[in-house]
Amino acid sequence: MTPLTLTEKDLTELQGINERISLEEVTLVYLPLSRLLNLYVAATQRLRETTDTFLGKLPAPVSYVIAIAGSVAVGKSTAARVIQALLSRWPNHPKVDLVTTDGFLYSNSVLESRGIMNRKGFPESYDLRALLQFLRDLKSGQPVLEVPYYSHEAYDIVPDRKTVIRQPDIVIVEGLNVLQTTDGRPGLAPRTFVSDFFDFSIFIDAQEEHIRQWYVDRFLTFQKTVFQSPSSYFHRYANLTVSEAKQTASQIWESINAVNLRQNILPTRERAHLILEKVEDHSVSSVQLRKL
């Protein structure tokens, strides 16, 4: 039996805003998942070593890439951090990095110039070419890679600030549309998909009514905290009444996030290797693993 190496303190630091996850759930869901992923990583590493030997090449380190997809407010970030923490404790792959696709969003100035600021998070709002190039470089074993830094407070890419990736054993790529097969623009579909570079993919799912409520609850929490900062992009919402804040959050959900979920995110659910189904209290109720 795999021992649990996370403490309550660790878990508190890993949880997102309004996320509730217990050590019991980690033990029952995320710890076995980390064990499964550990086996997959080891098997993939052995296969690559065998291939390199057959080709007469020296073994080259290649990162194992895990994708985590799902709606806004469904708990992707918390799940990604918990999985990262668990995997990094396995002795054969201690270096596990987490990359969010927010860093590959076009800057607000670009989105505004294209008239798609209200479609931020939709497939067309990402610099798909840059994201694909990052994944190509990662899989080719480039020793040092840089990822643009995204500030949730500024709601924009931060110029001249980068996240550095140095050949980790595992990279977790977390984002809304990582399993997409389109860039959101009319015409021919891209020849290469982001998902072509994934070794394993996870989709976090829940009923839309629950996700909507989680989004509204999170908005209310942000309004009392992050939005109070004058430097916050959403500072204009800081002084709304509770009723006005709920109405604003509901409008944003219905006009943007619900549309993206129905049109772009949810249709990719069945492409994932594994689906975590969550219920109203944020707990995972079922795990569906696709047969290989």
Protein backbone atom coordinates (compact mmCIF):
# COMPACT_ATOMS: atom_id res chain seq x y z
CA MET A 1 0.00 0.00 0.00
CA THR A 2 1.33 3.43 -0.96
CA PRO A 3 1.80 5.68 2.09
CA LEU A 4 0.27 9.17 2.13
CA THR A 5 3.00 11.79 2.38
CA LEU A 6 0.79 14.90 2.43
CA THR A 7 -0.28 16.53 5.69
CA GLU A 8 -3.28 18.73 6.48
CA LYS A 9 -0.96 21.74 6.32
CA ASP A 10 0.29 20.71 2.89
CA LEU A 11 -3.27 20.30 1.68
CA THR A 12 -4.33 23.71 2.96
CA GLU A 13 -1.54 25.32 0.95
CA LEU A 14 -2.49 23.38 -2.20
CA GLN A 15 -6.22 24.17 -2.16
CA GLY A 16 -7.65 26.91 -4.32
CA ILE A 17 -10.20 29.56 -3.37
CA ASN A 18 -13.38 27.92 -2.01
CA GLU A 19 -11.99 24.47 -2.80
CA ARG A 20 -12.65 21.78 -0.25
CA ILE A 21 -10.56 18.63 -0.40
CA SER A 22 -9.90 16.24 2.47
CA LEU A 23 -7.02 13.95 3.29
CA GLU A 24 -9.51 11.09 3.02
CA GLU A 25 -10.28 12.05 -0.57
CA VAL A 26 -6.58 12.38 -1.33
CA THR A 27 -6.06 8.88 0.11
CA LEU A 28 -8.99 7.33 -1.78
CA VAL A 29 -8.69 9.16 -5.13
CA TYR A 30 -5.51 11.13 -5.72
CA LEU A 31 -3.01 8.79 -4.09
CA PRO A 32 -4.10 5.76 -6.19
CA LEU A 33 -4.12 8.04 -9.24
CA SER A 34 -0.55 9.07 -8.50
CA ARG A 35 0.36 5.37 -8.22
CA LEU A 36 -1.23 4.68 -11.62
CA LEU A 37 0.60 7.63 -13.16
CA ASN A 38 3.86 6.48 -11.58
CA LEU A 39 3.44 3.09 -13.29
CA TYR A 40 2.64 4.76 -16.61
CA VAL A 41 5.68 7.03 -16.34
CA ALA A 42 7.98 4.10 -15.52
CA ALA A 43 6.61 2.04 -18.42
CA THR A 44 7.03 4.93 -20.85
CA GLN A 45 10.59 5.55 -19.66
CA ARG A 46 11.46 1.86 -20.18
CA LEU A 47 9.95 1.90 -23.67
CA ARG A 48 11.98 4.97 -24.62
CA GLU A 49 15.17 3.39 -23.27
CA THR A 50 14.45 0.24 -25.28
CA THR A 51 13.85 2.30 -28.42
CA ASP A 52 17.05 4.30 -27.92
CA THR A 53 19.00 1.06 -27.45
CA PHE A 54 17.52 -0.40 -30.62
CA LEU A 55 18.47 2.73 -32.55
CA GLY A 56 21.94 2.79 -31.05
CA LYS A 57 21.37 6.13 -29.36
CA LEU A 58 22.32 7.31 -25.90
CA PRO A 59 19.25 7.54 -23.64
CA ALA A 60 17.92 11.10 -23.69
CA PRO A 61 15.68 12.53 -20.95
CA VAL A 62 12.17 13.33 -22.20
CA SER A 63 9.49 14.78 -19.95
CA TYR A 64 6.30 12.80 -19.39
CA VAL A 65 3.39 15.18 -20.04
CA ILE A 66 0.08 15.00 -18.18
CA ALA A 67 -2.83 17.23 -19.20
CA ILE A 68 -5.63 18.39 -16.90
CA ALA A 69 -8.71 19.90 -18.56
CA GLY A 70 -12.09 21.15 -17.43
CA SER A 71 -14.27 24.20 -16.91
CA VAL A 72 -13.52 27.42 -15.10
CA ALA A 73 -14.08 26.94 -11.32
CA VAL A 74 -14.24 23.12 -11.53
CA GLY A 75 -11.06 22.67 -9.49
CA LYS A 76 -8.40 21.99 -12.13
CA SER A 77 -5.70 24.01 -10.39
CA THR A 78 -6.16 22.33 -7.01
CA ALA A 79 -6.19 18.87 -8.58
CA ALA A 80 -3.06 19.73 -10.57
CA ARG A 81 -1.20 20.94 -7.48
CA VAL A 82 -2.21 17.88 -5.44
CA ILE A 83 -1.14 15.51 -8.23
CA GLN A 84 2.11 17.45 -8.62
CA ALA A 85 2.83 17.20 -4.89
CA LEU A 86 2.13 13.46 -4.81
CA LEU A 87 4.11 12.63 -7.94
CA SER A 88 7.10 14.68 -6.80
CA ARG A 89 7.36 12.41 -3.77
CA TRP A 90 7.93 9.29 -5.86
CA PRO A 91 11.65 8.44 -5.86
CA ASN A 92 12.03 7.88 -9.61
CA HIS A 93 10.70 11.27 -10.78
CA PRO A 94 11.25 13.91 -8.12
CA LYS A 95 11.10 16.91 -10.47
CA VAL A 96 7.51 17.67 -11.47
CA ASP A 97 6.63 21.06 -12.99
CA LEU A 98 3.21 22.61 -13.48
CA VAL A 99 2.43 24.78 -16.49
CA THR A 100 -0.91 26.52 -17.01
CA THR A 101 -2.03 27.50 -20.48
CA ASP A 102 -2.94 30.96 -19.14
CA GLY A 103 0.63 31.93 -20.02
CA PHE A 104 -0.17 31.27 -23.67
CA LEU A 105 -3.18 33.58 -23.81
CA TYR A 106 -2.74 36.53 -26.11
CA SER A 107 -2.17 39.77 -24.22
CA ASN A 108 -5.19 41.95 -23.53
CA SER A 109 -3.98 44.47 -26.10
CA VAL A 110 -4.01 41.77 -28.79
CA LEU A 111 -7.41 40.44 -27.70
CA GLU A 112 -8.86 43.97 -27.73
CA SER A 113 -7.40 44.73 -31.16
CA ARG A 114 -9.03 41.55 -32.49
CA GLY A 115 -12.34 42.30 -30.80
CA ILE A 116 -12.33 39.08 -28.78
CA MET A 117 -11.65 40.32 -25.26
CA ASN A 118 -15.03 38.89 -24.23
CA ARG A 119 -13.91 35.47 -25.51
CA LYS A 120 -10.86 35.16 -23.29
CA GLY A 121 -10.40 31.47 -22.54
CA PHE A 122 -11.99 30.41 -25.85
CA PRO A 123 -9.68 28.51 -28.25
CA GLU A 124 -9.05 31.57 -30.44
CA SER A 125 -7.75 33.60 -27.46
CA TYR A 126 -4.61 31.44 -27.15
CA ASP A 127 -1.34 31.73 -29.03
CA LEU A 128 -1.61 28.15 -30.23
CA ARG A 129 1.57 28.39 -32.28
CA ALA A 130 3.60 29.35 -29.20
CA LEU A 131 2.00 26.61 -27.09
CA LEU A 132 2.69 23.97 -29.72
CA GLN A 133 6.29 25.15 -30.06
CA PHE A 134 6.76 24.92 -26.29
CA LEU A 135 5.50 21.34 -26.30
CA ARG A 136 7.65 20.42 -29.31
CA ASP A 137 10.73 21.81 -27.57
CA LEU A 138 9.79 20.05 -24.33
CA LYS A 139 9.41 16.70 -26.05
CA SER A 140 12.63 17.17 -28.00
CA GLY A 141 14.54 17.47 -24.73
CA GLN A 142 15.47 21.17 -24.83
CA PRO A 143 17.38 21.82 -21.58
CA VAL A 144 15.85 25.21 -20.75
CA LEU A 145 12.45 26.54 -21.77
CA GLU A 146 10.59 29.72 -20.89
CA VAL A 147 6.84 30.14 -20.46
CA PRO A 148 5.16 33.58 -20.43
CA TYR A 149 3.89 34.58 -16.99
CA TYR A 150 0.20 35.35 -16.52
CA SER A 151 -1.05 37.49 -13.62
CA HIS A 152 -4.60 36.79 -12.45
CA GLU A 153 -4.60 40.07 -10.58
CA ALA A 154 -3.67 42.08 -13.67
CA TYR A 155 -5.71 39.66 -15.84
CA ASP A 156 -2.94 39.82 -18.42
CA ILE A 157 0.44 38.53 -19.53
CA VAL A 158 3.26 40.20 -17.58
CA PRO A 159 5.90 41.51 -20.04
CA ASP A 160 9.49 40.41 -19.44
CA ARG A 161 8.53 37.88 -16.77
CA LYS A 162 8.93 34.18 -17.54
CA THR A 163 8.57 30.81 -15.86
CA VAL A 164 11.67 28.68 -16.50
CA ILE A 165 11.37 24.95 -17.17
CA ARG A 166 14.56 22.85 -16.86
CA GLN A 167 14.00 19.30 -18.14
CA PRO A 168 11.60 18.04 -15.45
CA ASP A 169 10.75 14.35 -15.22
CA ILE A 170 7.04 15.21 -15.49
CA VAL A 171 5.18 18.29 -16.70
CA ILE A 172 1.54 18.82 -15.82
CA VAL A 173 -0.21 21.09 -18.35
CA GLU A 174 -3.42 22.53 -16.94
CA GLY A 175 -5.95 24.50 -18.96
CA LEU A 176 -9.50 24.90 -20.21
CA ASN A 177 -9.00 23.80 -23.79
CA VAL A 178 -5.94 21.54 -23.75
CA LEU A 179 -7.88 18.69 -25.36
CA GLN A 180 -9.22 20.85 -28.19
CA THR A 181 -8.86 19.85 -31.83
CA THR A 182 -9.56 23.33 -33.19
CA ASP A 183 -8.08 26.78 -32.77
CA GLY A 184 -11.52 28.41 -32.79
CA ARG A 185 -11.12 30.01 -36.18
CA PRO A 186 -13.11 29.08 -39.29
CA GLY A 187 -11.42 27.02 -41.96
CA LEU A 188 -9.26 23.94 -41.86
CA ALA A 189 -8.51 22.39 -38.48
CA PRO A 190 -4.86 22.50 -37.33
CA ARG A 191 -2.73 19.56 -38.47
CA THR A 192 -1.13 19.25 -35.04
CA PHE A 193 -3.11 19.30 -31.80
CA VAL A 194 -1.81 20.26 -28.37
CA SER A 195 -3.01 16.85 -27.18
CA ASP A 196 -0.62 15.11 -29.60
CA PHE A 197 2.13 15.83 -27.08
CA PHE A 198 0.32 14.43 -24.03
CA ASP A 199 1.19 11.06 -22.54
CA PHE A 200 -1.85 11.05 -20.26
CA SER A 201 -4.88 13.33 -19.91
CA ILE A 202 -7.40 13.98 -17.16
CA PHE A 203 -10.77 15.73 -17.46
CA ILE A 204 -12.41 17.12 -14.33
CA ASP A 205 -16.17 17.11 -14.75
CA ALA A 206 -19.28 18.14 -12.81
CA GLN A 207 -22.87 19.12 -13.47
CA GLU A 208 -23.05 22.61 -14.96
CA GLU A 209 -25.37 23.85 -12.22
CA HIS A 210 -22.74 22.97 -9.62
CA ILE A 211 -19.89 24.57 -11.57
CA ARG A 212 -21.98 27.71 -11.98
CA GLN A 213 -22.54 27.93 -8.24
CA TRP A 214 -18.84 27.36 -7.56
CA TYR A 215 -18.02 30.17 -9.99
CA VAL A 216 -20.44 32.58 -8.30
CA ASP A 217 -19.14 31.63 -4.84
CA ARG A 218 -15.56 32.17 -5.98
CA PHE A 219 -16.46 35.54 -7.49
CA LEU A 220 -17.96 36.66 -4.15
CA THR A 221 -14.79 35.59 -2.33
CA PHE A 222 -12.58 37.39 -4.84
CA GLN A 223 -14.75 40.51 -4.50
CA LYS A 224 -13.95 40.65 -0.79
CA THR A 225 -10.24 39.95 -1.29
CA VAL A 226 -8.37 40.22 -4.59
CA PHE A 227 -10.76 42.72 -6.19
CA GLN A 228 -10.18 45.15 -3.31
CA SER A 229 -6.68 45.86 -4.60
CA PRO A 230 -6.55 48.99 -6.80
CA SER A 231 -4.15 47.10 -9.11
CA SER A 232 -6.73 44.36 -9.75
CA TYR A 233 -8.26 44.32 -13.22
CA PHE A 234 -11.62 43.66 -11.54
CA HIS A 235 -11.32 46.43 -8.92
CA ARG A 236 -14.44 47.99 -10.44
CA TYR A 237 -16.45 45.21 -8.81
CA ALA A 238 -15.01 45.80 -5.33
CA ASN A 239 -17.89 47.89 -3.99
CA LEU A 240 -20.83 45.96 -5.41
CA THR A 241 -23.48 44.82 -2.98
CA VAL A 242 -23.82 41.07 -2.45
CA SER A 243 -26.90 41.03 -4.66
CA GLU A 244 -25.16 43.02 -7.40
CA ALA A 245 -22.07 40.80 -7.19
CA LYS A 246 -24.16 37.63 -7.54
CA GLN A 247 -25.98 39.11 -10.53
CA THR A 248 -22.69 40.21 -12.16
CA ALA A 249 -21.09 36.81 -11.64
CA SER A 250 -24.15 35.06 -13.05
CA GLN A 251 -24.12 37.31 -16.13
CA ILE A 252 -20.42 36.64 -16.75
CA TRP A 253 -21.01 32.92 -16.33
CA GLU A 254 -23.93 32.77 -18.74
CA SER A 255 -22.47 35.04 -21.41
CA ILE A 256 -18.88 33.72 -21.43
CA ASN A 257 -17.99 30.69 -19.30
CA ALA A 258 -21.14 28.63 -19.90
CA VAL A 259 -20.83 29.19 -23.66
CA ASN A 260 -17.19 28.10 -23.64
CA LEU A 261 -18.02 25.05 -21.52
CA ARG A 262 -20.84 23.89 -23.79
CA GLN A 263 -19.22 24.67 -27.13
CA ASN A 264 -15.55 23.91 -26.54
CA ILE A 265 -14.66 22.27 -23.24
CA LEU A 266 -17.32 19.65 -22.56
CA PRO A 267 -17.13 18.13 -26.09
CA THR A 268 -13.49 17.17 -25.37
CA ARG A 269 -14.42 15.17 -22.24
CA GLU A 270 -14.35 11.76 -23.91
CA ARG A 271 -10.89 12.38 -25.35
CA ALA A 272 -9.36 12.17 -21.87
CA HIS A 273 -7.71 9.01 -20.58
CA LEU A 274 -9.33 9.52 -17.20
CA ILE A 275 -12.38 11.47 -15.97
CA LEU A 276 -12.83 12.68 -12.40
CA GLU A 277 -16.54 13.30 -11.75
CA LYS A 278 -17.26 15.77 -8.95
CA VAL A 279 -20.48 16.40 -7.03
CA GLU A 280 -21.98 19.45 -5.34
CA ASP A 281 -19.62 19.49 -2.34
CA HIS A 282 -16.56 19.43 -4.66
CA SER A 283 -15.72 15.81 -3.79
CA VAL A 284 -14.91 13.25 -6.46
CA SER A 285 -17.78 10.77 -6.78
CA SER A 286 -16.41 8.56 -9.55
CA VAL A 287 -13.30 7.87 -11.57
CA GLN A 288 -13.54 6.63 -15.15
CA LEU A 289 -10.41 5.21 -16.75
CA ARG A 290 -10.38 4.60 -20.47
CA LYS A 291 -9.12 1.17 -21.44
CA LEU A 292 -5.90 1.24 -23.41
